Amino acid sequence: MNETIPLCSQCHKGIHDFIPEKEMGKQYNSLEKLKTHEKVIGLIQWLNRNIS
């Protein structure tokens, strides 16, 4: 990994539920790339609506 992103354990697990570690390392190895994944986009949108 080129960079790490601090996440709570629930978000970390949630992302790995839909992106396996090897796929993340090969295809989603930056914050910009990770934020292009459809389910990550949905998670971010949900968090923005539900966390204040």
Protein backbone atom coordinates (compact mmCIF):
# COMPACT_ATOMS: atom_id res chain seq x y z
CA MET A 1 0.00 0.00 0.00
CA ASN A 2 1.20 3.46 -0.85
CA GLU A 3 -0.80 5.18 1.85
CA THR A 4 -2.92 4.24 4.79
CA ILE A 5 -6.21 5.80 5.77
CA PRO A 6 -7.27 5.95 9.41
CA LEU A 7 -10.69 4.31 9.78
CA CYS A 8 -12.77 3.00 12.61
CA SER A 9 -12.83 -0.79 12.79
CA GLN A 10 -16.42 -0.99 11.47
CA CYS A 11 -15.60 1.04 8.34
CA HIS A 12 -12.40 -0.95 7.79
CA LYS A 13 -14.30 -4.23 8.00
CA GLY A 14 -17.11 -2.87 5.83
CA ILE A 15 -14.74 -1.89 3.04
CA HIS A 16 -13.03 -5.30 3.16
CA ASP A 17 -16.45 -6.97 2.99
CA PHE A 18 -16.74 -5.72 -0.59
CA ILE A 19 -13.07 -5.29 -1.61
CA PRO A 20 -10.71 -8.18 -0.85
CA GLU A 21 -7.27 -7.14 0.43
CA LYS A 22 -5.40 -8.28 -2.71
CA GLU A 23 -7.79 -6.43 -5.00
CA MET A 24 -7.46 -3.33 -2.86
CA GLY A 25 -3.68 -3.52 -3.01
CA LYS A 26 -3.65 -3.91 -6.80
CA GLN A 27 -6.57 -1.73 -7.95
CA TYR A 28 -7.56 0.56 -5.08
CA ASN A 29 -4.17 1.45 -3.63
CA SER A 30 -4.80 5.16 -3.09
CA LEU A 31 -7.55 7.20 -1.50
CA GLU A 32 -8.51 8.63 -4.89
CA LYS A 33 -8.88 5.15 -6.42
CA LEU A 34 -10.72 3.78 -3.37
CA LYS A 35 -13.25 6.60 -3.64
CA THR A 36 -14.14 5.45 -7.18
CA HIS A 37 -15.46 2.06 -6.01
CA GLU A 38 -19.27 2.04 -6.25
CA LYS A 39 -19.82 0.56 -2.79
CA VAL A 40 -17.28 2.86 -1.14
CA ILE A 41 -19.11 5.81 -2.72
CA GLY A 42 -22.33 4.48 -1.20
CA LEU A 43 -20.69 4.05 2.21
CA ILE A 44 -19.35 7.62 2.13
CA GLN A 45 -22.77 8.96 1.16
CA TRP A 46 -24.44 6.99 3.94
CA LEU A 47 -21.88 8.22 6.49
CA ASN A 48 -22.36 11.83 5.37
CA ARG A 49 -26.12 11.52 5.90
CA ASN A 50 -25.97 9.71 9.23
CA ILE A 51 -22.99 11.09 11.11
CA SER A 52 -23.01 14.63 12.35
